[in-house]
Amino acid sequence: MPDIRKVDRKPGRLDARDRLIVALYAQLKAERETRETLEWAIRNDAISKEVLEAIAADPVPVVTSEDIASLEKIIALDERRSRSRGND
């Protein structure tokens, strides 16, 4: 199957894609934990209206333009590697 990437790496070593996946997973997990904590604080009146307004007024983007640029660079490098392997 030519579309399946060969996985041949040393134990404990992650390539750029794997590191990106791990980083995105960690970010998603942190955002979920933050949301759960915020929901708990709202339900228990443990947070003031002013703090809620500040949070709503200054949202943190889930994906930044730097994240997208890094991802595009990783994809381009992977495509170049795939083409160079095909020429060998």
PDB file of N, CA and C in Angstrom:
ATOM      1  N   MET A   1       0.847  -1.188   0.000  1.00  0.00           N
ATOM      2  CA  MET A   1       0.000   0.000   0.000  1.00  0.00           C
ATOM      3  C   MET A   1       0.885   1.241   0.000  1.00  0.00           C
ATOM      4  N   PRO A   2       0.930   1.969  -1.079  1.00  0.00           N
ATOM      5  CA  PRO A   2       1.835   3.109  -1.174  1.00  0.00           C
ATOM      6  C   PRO A   2       1.429   4.307  -0.322  1.00  0.00           C
ATOM      7  N   ASP A   3       0.178   4.407   0.092  1.00  0.00           N
ATOM      8  CA  ASP A   3      -0.287   5.569   0.854  1.00  0.00           C
ATOM      9  C   ASP A   3      -0.029   5.452   2.342  1.00  0.00           C
ATOM     10  N   ILE A   4       0.418   4.291   2.796  1.00  0.00           N
ATOM     11  CA  ILE A   4       0.645   4.092   4.224  1.00  0.00           C
ATOM     12  C   ILE A   4       2.093   4.423   4.541  1.00  0.00           C
ATOM     13  N   ARG A   5       2.275   5.266   5.530  1.00  0.00           N
ATOM     14  CA  ARG A   5       3.603   5.703   5.946  1.00  0.00           C
ATOM     15  C   ARG A   5       4.311   4.594   6.706  1.00  0.00           C
ATOM     16  N   LYS A   6       5.539   4.323   6.347  1.00  0.00           N
ATOM     17  CA  LYS A   6       6.322   3.308   7.049  1.00  0.00           C
ATOM     18  C   LYS A   6       6.762   3.867   8.399  1.00  0.00           C
ATOM     19  N   VAL A   7       6.525   3.107   9.436  1.00  0.00           N
ATOM     20  CA  VAL A   7       6.921   3.533  10.772  1.00  0.00           C
ATOM     21  C   VAL A   7       8.119   2.680  11.176  1.00  0.00           C
ATOM     22  N   ASP A   8       9.261   3.327  11.205  1.00  0.00           N
ATOM     23  CA  ASP A   8      10.487   2.641  11.566  1.00  0.00           C
ATOM     24  C   ASP A   8      11.320   3.595  12.412  1.00  0.00           C
ATOM     25  N   ARG A   9      11.049   3.631  13.680  1.00  0.00           N
ATOM     26  CA  ARG A   9      11.772   4.559  14.540  1.00  0.00           C
ATOM     27  C   ARG A   9      12.214   3.873  15.809  1.00  0.00           C
ATOM     28  N   LYS A  10      13.165   4.500  16.436  1.00  0.00           N
ATOM     29  CA  LYS A  10      13.688   3.971  17.689  1.00  0.00           C
ATOM     30  C   LYS A  10      12.683   4.248  18.805  1.00  0.00           C
ATOM     31  N   PRO A  11      12.591   3.348  19.765  1.00  0.00           N
ATOM     32  CA  PRO A  11      11.666   3.576  20.889  1.00  0.00           C
ATOM     33  C   PRO A  11      11.968   4.900  21.599  1.00  0.00           C
ATOM     34  N   GLY A  12      10.920   5.628  21.915  1.00  0.00           N
ATOM     35  CA  GLY A  12      11.077   6.881  22.645  1.00  0.00           C
ATOM     36  C   GLY A  12      11.350   8.093  21.784  1.00  0.00           C
ATOM     37  N   ARG A  13      11.496   7.918  20.476  1.00  0.00           N
ATOM     38  CA  ARG A  13      11.771   9.045  19.586  1.00  0.00           C
ATOM     39  C   ARG A  13      10.524   9.366  18.791  1.00  0.00           C
ATOM     40  N   LEU A  14      10.158  10.636  18.757  1.00  0.00           N
ATOM     41  CA  LEU A  14       8.978  11.078  18.022  1.00  0.00           C
ATOM     42  C   LEU A  14       9.407  11.951  16.853  1.00  0.00           C
ATOM     43  N   ASP A  15       8.759  11.760  15.708  1.00  0.00           N
ATOM     44  CA  ASP A  15       9.052  12.655  14.595  1.00  0.00           C
ATOM     45  C   ASP A  15       8.214  13.921  14.750  1.00  0.00           C
ATOM     46  N   ALA A  16       8.352  14.847  13.814  1.00  0.00           N
ATOM     47  CA  ALA A  16       7.687  16.150  13.923  1.00  0.00           C
ATOM     48  C   ALA A  16       6.175  16.013  13.971  1.00  0.00           C
ATOM     49  N   ARG A  17       5.613  15.121  13.164  1.00  0.00           N
ATOM     50  CA  ARG A  17       4.148  14.943  13.181  1.00  0.00           C
ATOM     51  C   ARG A  17       3.670  14.421  14.524  1.00  0.00           C
ATOM     52  N   ASP A  18       4.394  13.443  15.055  1.00  0.00           N
ATOM     53  CA  ASP A  18       4.002  12.873  16.347  1.00  0.00           C
ATOM     54  C   ASP A  18       4.073  13.922  17.453  1.00  0.00           C
ATOM     55  N   ARG A  19       5.132  14.749  17.431  1.00  0.00           N
ATOM     56  CA  ARG A  19       5.239  15.814  18.430  1.00  0.00           C
ATOM     57  C   ARG A  19       4.091  16.800  18.296  1.00  0.00           C
ATOM     58  N   LEU A  20       3.700  17.113  17.057  1.00  0.00           N
ATOM     59  CA  LEU A  20       2.570  18.027  16.839  1.00  0.00           C
ATOM     60  C   LEU A  20       1.279  17.419  17.380  1.00  0.00           C
ATOM     61  N   ILE A  21       1.062  16.144  17.120  1.00  0.00           N
ATOM     62  CA  ILE A  21      -0.140  15.472  17.617  1.00  0.00           C
ATOM     63  C   ILE A  21      -0.171  15.491  19.140  1.00  0.00           C
ATOM     64  N   VAL A  22       0.955  15.194  19.763  1.00  0.00           N
ATOM     65  CA  VAL A  22       1.029  15.195  21.228  1.00  0.00           C
ATOM     66  C   VAL A  22       0.770  16.600  21.768  1.00  0.00           C
ATOM     67  N   ALA A  23       1.343  17.615  21.124  1.00  0.00           N
ATOM     68  CA  ALA A  23       1.148  18.999  21.577  1.00  0.00           C
ATOM     69  C   ALA A  23      -0.305  19.421  21.428  1.00  0.00           C
ATOM     70  N   LEU A  24      -0.930  19.081  20.305  1.00  0.00           N
ATOM     71  CA  LEU A  24      -2.339  19.437  20.104  1.00  0.00           C
ATOM     72  C   LEU A  24      -3.238  18.697  21.091  1.00  0.00           C
ATOM     73  N   TYR A  25      -2.915  17.442  21.376  1.00  0.00           N
ATOM     74  CA  TYR A  25      -3.676  16.690  22.369  1.00  0.00           C
ATOM     75  C   TYR A  25      -3.567  17.347  23.742  1.00  0.00           C
ATOM     76  N   ALA A  26      -2.351  17.734  24.115  1.00  0.00           N
ATOM     77  CA  ALA A  26      -2.145  18.383  25.411  1.00  0.00           C
ATOM     78  C   ALA A  26      -2.906  19.697  25.485  1.00  0.00           C
ATOM     79  N   GLN A  27      -2.910  20.458  24.391  1.00  0.00           N
ATOM     80  CA  GLN A  27      -3.640  21.725  24.366  1.00  0.00           C
ATOM     81  C   GLN A  27      -5.139  21.476  24.509  1.00  0.00           C
ATOM     82  N   LEU A  28      -5.658  20.501  23.774  1.00  0.00           N
ATOM     83  CA  LEU A  28      -7.078  20.188  23.853  1.00  0.00           C
ATOM     84  C   LEU A  28      -7.458  19.738  25.259  1.00  0.00           C
ATOM     85  N   LYS A  29      -6.625  18.889  25.861  1.00  0.00           N
ATOM     86  CA  LYS A  29      -6.891  18.416  27.225  1.00  0.00           C
ATOM     87  C   LYS A  29      -6.901  19.579  28.218  1.00  0.00           C
ATOM     88  N   ALA A  30      -5.942  20.486  28.090  1.00  0.00           N
ATOM     89  CA  ALA A  30      -5.883  21.642  28.993  1.00  0.00           C
ATOM     90  C   ALA A  30      -7.111  22.532  28.819  1.00  0.00           C
ATOM     91  N   GLU A  31      -7.541  22.719  27.582  1.00  0.00           N
ATOM     92  CA  GLU A  31      -8.728  23.549  27.339  1.00  0.00           C
ATOM     93  C   GLU A  31      -9.979  22.900  27.924  1.00  0.00           C
ATOM     94  N   ARG A  32     -10.088  21.582  27.805  1.00  0.00           N
ATOM     95  CA  ARG A  32     -11.239  20.878  28.389  1.00  0.00           C
ATOM     96  C   ARG A  32     -11.237  21.002  29.908  1.00  0.00           C
ATOM     97  N   GLU A  33     -10.068  20.846  30.522  1.00  0.00           N
ATOM     98  CA  GLU A  33      -9.979  20.974  31.978  1.00  0.00           C
ATOM     99  C   GLU A  33     -10.311  22.394  32.418  1.00  0.00           C
ATOM    100  N   THR A  34      -9.859  23.378  31.660  1.00  0.00           N
ATOM    101  CA  THR A  34     -10.167  24.774  31.977  1.00  0.00           C
ATOM    102  C   THR A  34     -11.666  25.019  31.888  1.00  0.00           C
ATOM    103  N   ARG A  35     -12.287  24.509  30.826  1.00  0.00           N
ATOM    104  CA  ARG A  35     -13.733  24.677  30.652  1.00  0.00           C
ATOM    105  C   ARG A  35     -14.503  24.004  31.776  1.00  0.00           C
ATOM    106  N   GLU A  36     -14.093  22.793  32.171  1.00  0.00           N
ATOM    107  CA  GLU A  36     -14.762  22.099  33.267  1.00  0.00           C
ATOM    108  C   GLU A  36     -14.634  22.880  34.574  1.00  0.00           C
ATOM    109  N   THR A  37     -13.459  23.421  34.825  1.00  0.00           N
ATOM    110  CA  THR A  37     -13.236  24.213  36.041  1.00  0.00           C
ATOM    111  C   THR A  37     -14.077  25.476  36.018  1.00  0.00           C
ATOM    112  N   LEU A  38     -14.139  26.125  34.867  1.00  0.00           N
ATOM    113  CA  LEU A  38     -14.946  27.335  34.733  1.00  0.00           C
ATOM    114  C   LEU A  38     -16.430  27.021  34.936  1.00  0.00           C
ATOM    115  N   GLU A  39     -16.895  25.918  34.355  1.00  0.00           N
ATOM    116  CA  GLU A  39     -18.297  25.510  34.556  1.00  0.00           C
ATOM    117  C   GLU A  39     -18.593  25.260  36.028  1.00  0.00           C
ATOM    118  N   TRP A  40     -17.663  24.592  36.720  1.00  0.00           N
ATOM    119  CA  TRP A  40     -17.851  24.335  38.146  1.00  0.00           C
ATOM    120  C   TRP A  40     -17.916  25.654  38.919  1.00  0.00           C
ATOM    121  N   ALA A  41     -17.010  26.572  38.599  1.00  0.00           N
ATOM    122  CA  ALA A  41     -16.974  27.862  39.292  1.00  0.00           C
ATOM    123  C   ALA A  41     -18.263  28.638  39.068  1.00  0.00           C
ATOM    124  N   ILE A  42     -18.803  28.592  37.865  1.00  0.00           N
ATOM    125  CA  ILE A  42     -20.063  29.300  37.578  1.00  0.00           C
ATOM    126  C   ILE A  42     -21.207  28.661  38.352  1.00  0.00           C
ATOM    127  N   ARG A  43     -21.299  27.337  38.318  1.00  0.00           N
ATOM    128  CA  ARG A  43     -22.385  26.642  39.030  1.00  0.00           C
ATOM    129  C   ARG A  43     -22.352  26.907  40.529  1.00  0.00           C
ATOM    130  N   ASN A  44     -21.156  27.073  41.087  1.00  0.00           N
ATOM    131  CA  ASN A  44     -21.008  27.252  42.526  1.00  0.00           C
ATOM    132  C   ASN A  44     -20.806  28.703  42.943  1.00  0.00           C
ATOM    133  N   ASP A  45     -21.092  29.617  42.044  1.00  0.00           N
ATOM    134  CA  ASP A  45     -20.944  31.059  42.322  1.00  0.00           C
ATOM    135  C   ASP A  45     -19.572  31.395  42.898  1.00  0.00           C
ATOM    136  N   ALA A  46     -18.549  30.747  42.377  1.00  0.00           N
ATOM    137  CA  ALA A  46     -17.201  30.970  42.882  1.00  0.00           C
ATOM    138  C   ALA A  46     -16.420  31.953  42.017  1.00  0.00           C
ATOM    139  N   ILE A  47     -17.107  32.586  41.085  1.00  0.00           N
ATOM    140  CA  ILE A  47     -16.439  33.510  40.184  1.00  0.00           C
ATOM    141  C   ILE A  47     -17.331  34.741  39.989  1.00  0.00           C
ATOM    142  N   SER A  48     -16.729  35.903  39.976  1.00  0.00           N
ATOM    143  CA  SER A  48     -17.521  37.134  39.881  1.00  0.00           C
ATOM    144  C   SER A  48     -17.918  37.430  38.430  1.00  0.00           C
ATOM    145  N   LYS A  49     -18.908  38.278  38.293  1.00  0.00           N
ATOM    146  CA  LYS A  49     -19.382  38.693  36.975  1.00  0.00           C
ATOM    147  C   LYS A  49     -18.263  39.405  36.205  1.00  0.00           C
ATOM    148  N   GLU A  50     -17.467  40.188  36.908  1.00  0.00           N
ATOM    149  CA  GLU A  50     -16.379  40.924  36.264  1.00  0.00           C
ATOM    150  C   GLU A  50     -15.328  39.982  35.674  1.00  0.00           C
ATOM    151  N   VAL A  51     -15.028  38.924  36.409  1.00  0.00           N
ATOM    152  CA  VAL A  51     -14.045  37.952  35.912  1.00  0.00           C
ATOM    153  C   VAL A  51     -14.604  37.232  34.682  1.00  0.00           C
ATOM    154  N   LEU A  52     -15.869  36.869  34.723  1.00  0.00           N
ATOM    155  CA  LEU A  52     -16.498  36.223  33.571  1.00  0.00           C
ATOM    156  C   LEU A  52     -16.480  37.138  32.351  1.00  0.00           C
ATOM    157  N   GLU A  53     -16.758  38.414  32.551  1.00  0.00           N
ATOM    158  CA  GLU A  53     -16.722  39.368  31.445  1.00  0.00           C
ATOM    159  C   GLU A  53     -15.311  39.495  30.878  1.00  0.00           C
ATOM    160  N   ALA A  54     -14.307  39.491  31.744  1.00  0.00           N
ATOM    161  CA  ALA A  54     -12.920  39.582  31.290  1.00  0.00           C
ATOM    162  C   ALA A  54     -12.531  38.345  30.478  1.00  0.00           C
ATOM    163  N   ILE A  55     -12.958  37.187  30.932  1.00  0.00           N
ATOM    164  CA  ILE A  55     -12.665  35.953  30.206  1.00  0.00           C
ATOM    165  C   ILE A  55     -13.344  35.973  28.836  1.00  0.00           C
ATOM    166  N   ALA A  56     -14.585  36.379  28.791  1.00  0.00           N
ATOM    167  CA  ALA A  56     -15.330  36.418  27.530  1.00  0.00           C
ATOM    168  C   ALA A  56     -14.768  37.461  26.565  1.00  0.00           C
ATOM    169  N   ALA A  57     -14.245  38.543  27.082  1.00  0.00           N
ATOM    170  CA  ALA A  57     -13.737  39.624  26.236  1.00  0.00           C
ATOM    171  C   ALA A  57     -12.352  39.324  25.665  1.00  0.00           C
ATOM    172  N   ASP A  58     -11.625  38.395  26.251  1.00  0.00           N
ATOM    173  CA  ASP A  58     -10.265  38.109  25.814  1.00  0.00           C
ATOM    174  C   ASP A  58     -10.082  36.607  25.586  1.00  0.00           C
ATOM    175  N   PRO A  59     -10.767  36.075  24.570  1.00  0.00           N
ATOM    176  CA  PRO A  59     -10.651  34.633  24.327  1.00  0.00           C
ATOM    177  C   PRO A  59      -9.275  34.272  23.764  1.00  0.00           C
ATOM    178  N   VAL A  60      -8.822  33.086  24.079  1.00  0.00           N
ATOM    179  CA  VAL A  60      -7.556  32.584  23.563  1.00  0.00           C
ATOM    180  C   VAL A  60      -7.871  31.750  22.328  1.00  0.00           C
ATOM    181  N   PRO A  61      -7.246  32.060  21.184  1.00  0.00           N
ATOM    182  CA  PRO A  61      -7.533  31.265  19.988  1.00  0.00           C
ATOM    183  C   PRO A  61      -7.054  29.825  20.165  1.00  0.00           C
ATOM    184  N   VAL A  62      -7.836  28.900  19.665  1.00  0.00           N
ATOM    185  CA  VAL A  62      -7.478  27.494  19.775  1.00  0.00           C
ATOM    186  C   VAL A  62      -6.254  27.200  18.920  1.00  0.00           C
ATOM    187  N   VAL A  63      -6.233  27.740  17.714  1.00  0.00           N
ATOM    188  CA  VAL A  63      -5.107  27.550  16.801  1.00  0.00           C
ATOM    189  C   VAL A  63      -4.620  28.922  16.374  1.00  0.00           C
ATOM    190  N   THR A  64      -3.340  29.150  16.507  1.00  0.00           N
ATOM    191  CA  THR A  64      -2.776  30.436  16.114  1.00  0.00           C
ATOM    192  C   THR A  64      -2.213  30.350  14.698  1.00  0.00           C
ATOM    193  N   SER A  65      -1.913  31.494  14.129  1.00  0.00           N
ATOM    194  CA  SER A  65      -1.321  31.514  12.792  1.00  0.00           C
ATOM    195  C   SER A  65       0.056  30.852  12.812  1.00  0.00           C
ATOM    196  N   GLU A  66       0.761  30.938  13.934  1.00  0.00           N
ATOM    197  CA  GLU A  66       2.054  30.263  14.056  1.00  0.00           C
ATOM    198  C   GLU A  66       1.884  28.747  14.026  1.00  0.00           C
ATOM    199  N   ASP A  67       0.817  28.252  14.652  1.00  0.00           N
ATOM    200  CA  ASP A  67       0.541  26.812  14.608  1.00  0.00           C
ATOM    201  C   ASP A  67       0.304  26.358  13.173  1.00  0.00           C
ATOM    202  N   ILE A  68      -0.475  27.136  12.435  1.00  0.00           N
ATOM    203  CA  ILE A  68      -0.775  26.794  11.046  1.00  0.00           C
ATOM    204  C   ILE A  68       0.497  26.828  10.205  1.00  0.00           C
ATOM    205  N   ALA A  69       1.336  27.841  10.407  1.00  0.00           N
ATOM    206  CA  ALA A  69       2.589  27.941   9.654  1.00  0.00           C
ATOM    207  C   ALA A  69       3.495  26.752   9.964  1.00  0.00           C
ATOM    208  N   SER A  70       3.567  26.350  11.220  1.00  0.00           N
ATOM    209  CA  SER A  70       4.383  25.191  11.597  1.00  0.00           C
ATOM    210  C   SER A  70       3.857  23.924  10.945  1.00  0.00           C
ATOM    211  N   LEU A  71       2.555  23.762  10.950  1.00  0.00           N
ATOM    212  CA  LEU A  71       1.944  22.592  10.342  1.00  0.00           C
ATOM    213  C   LEU A  71       2.207  22.558   8.842  1.00  0.00           C
ATOM    214  N   GLU A  72       2.080  23.703   8.173  1.00  0.00           N
ATOM    215  CA  GLU A  72       2.351  23.760   6.737  1.00  0.00           C
ATOM    216  C   GLU A  72       3.809  23.413   6.444  1.00  0.00           C
ATOM    217  N   LYS A  73       4.722  23.854   7.296  1.00  0.00           N
ATOM    218  CA  LYS A  73       6.136  23.548   7.116  1.00  0.00           C
ATOM    219  C   LYS A  73       6.385  22.047   7.281  1.00  0.00           C
ATOM    220  N   ILE A  74       5.766  21.438   8.278  1.00  0.00           N
ATOM    221  CA  ILE A  74       5.914  20.003   8.509  1.00  0.00           C
ATOM    222  C   ILE A  74       5.391  19.213   7.316  1.00  0.00           C
ATOM    223  N   ILE A  75       4.244  19.612   6.795  1.00  0.00           N
ATOM    224  CA  ILE A  75       3.658  18.920   5.646  1.00  0.00           C
ATOM    225  C   ILE A  75       4.573  19.048   4.426  1.00  0.00           C
ATOM    226  N   ALA A  76       5.097  20.251   4.192  1.00  0.00           N
ATOM    227  CA  ALA A  76       5.991  20.464   3.049  1.00  0.00           C
ATOM    228  C   ALA A  76       7.260  19.610   3.182  1.00  0.00           C
ATOM    229  N   LEU A  77       7.843  19.562   4.369  1.00  0.00           N
ATOM    230  CA  LEU A  77       9.036  18.740   4.590  1.00  0.00           C
ATOM    231  C   LEU A  77       8.732  17.263   4.364  1.00  0.00           C
ATOM    232  N   ASP A  78       7.579  16.816   4.832  1.00  0.00           N
ATOM    233  CA  ASP A  78       7.193  15.422   4.666  1.00  0.00           C
ATOM    234  C   ASP A  78       6.997  15.093   3.193  1.00  0.00           C
ATOM    235  N   GLU A  79       6.385  16.007   2.445  1.00  0.00           N
ATOM    236  CA  GLU A  79       6.183  15.780   1.014  1.00  0.00           C
ATOM    237  C   GLU A  79       7.520  15.703   0.289  1.00  0.00           C
ATOM    238  N   ARG A  80       8.475  16.568   0.661  1.00  0.00           N
ATOM    239  CA  ARG A  80       9.805  16.518   0.043  1.00  0.00           C
ATOM    240  C   ARG A  80      10.505  15.199   0.349  1.00  0.00           C
ATOM    241  N   ARG A  81      10.395  14.735   1.590  1.00  0.00           N
ATOM    242  CA  ARG A  81      11.006  13.455   1.953  1.00  0.00           C
ATOM    243  C   ARG A  81      10.386  12.312   1.160  1.00  0.00           C
ATOM    244  N   SER A  82       9.067  12.349   1.022  1.00  0.00           N
ATOM    245  CA  SER A  82       8.381  11.298   0.265  1.00  0.00           C
ATOM    246  C   SER A  82       8.826  11.281  -1.181  1.00  0.00           C
ATOM    247  N   ARG A  83       8.970  12.474  -1.782  1.00  0.00           N
ATOM    248  CA  ARG A  83       9.414  12.538  -3.171  1.00  0.00           C
ATOM    249  C   ARG A  83      10.853  12.066  -3.321  1.00  0.00           C
ATOM    250  N   SER A  84      11.720  12.431  -2.378  1.00  0.00           N
ATOM    251  CA  SER A  84      13.123  12.021  -2.474  1.00  0.00           C
ATOM    252  C   SER A  84      13.264  10.511  -2.278  1.00  0.00           C
ATOM    253  N   ARG A  85      12.438   9.915  -1.462  1.00  0.00           N
ATOM    254  CA  ARG A  85      12.469   8.449  -1.280  1.00  0.00           C
ATOM    255  C   ARG A  85      12.003   7.755  -2.547  1.00  0.00           C
ATOM    256  N   GLY A  86      11.040   8.353  -3.230  1.00  0.00           N
ATOM    257  CA  GLY A  86      10.531   7.777  -4.472  1.00  0.00           C
ATOM    258  C   GLY A  86      11.546   7.827  -5.593  1.00  0.00           C
ATOM    259  N   ASN A  87      12.502   8.773  -5.529  1.00  0.00           N
ATOM    260  CA  ASN A  87      13.522   8.902  -6.567  1.00  0.00           C
ATOM    261  C   ASN A  87      14.714   7.988  -6.333  1.00  0.00           C
ATOM    262  N   ASP A  88      14.820   7.410  -5.138  1.00  0.00           N
ATOM    263  CA  ASP A  88      15.970   6.537  -4.812  1.00  0.00           C
ATOM    264  C   ASP A  88      15.837   5.178  -5.439  1.00  0.00           C
TER     265      ASP A  88
END
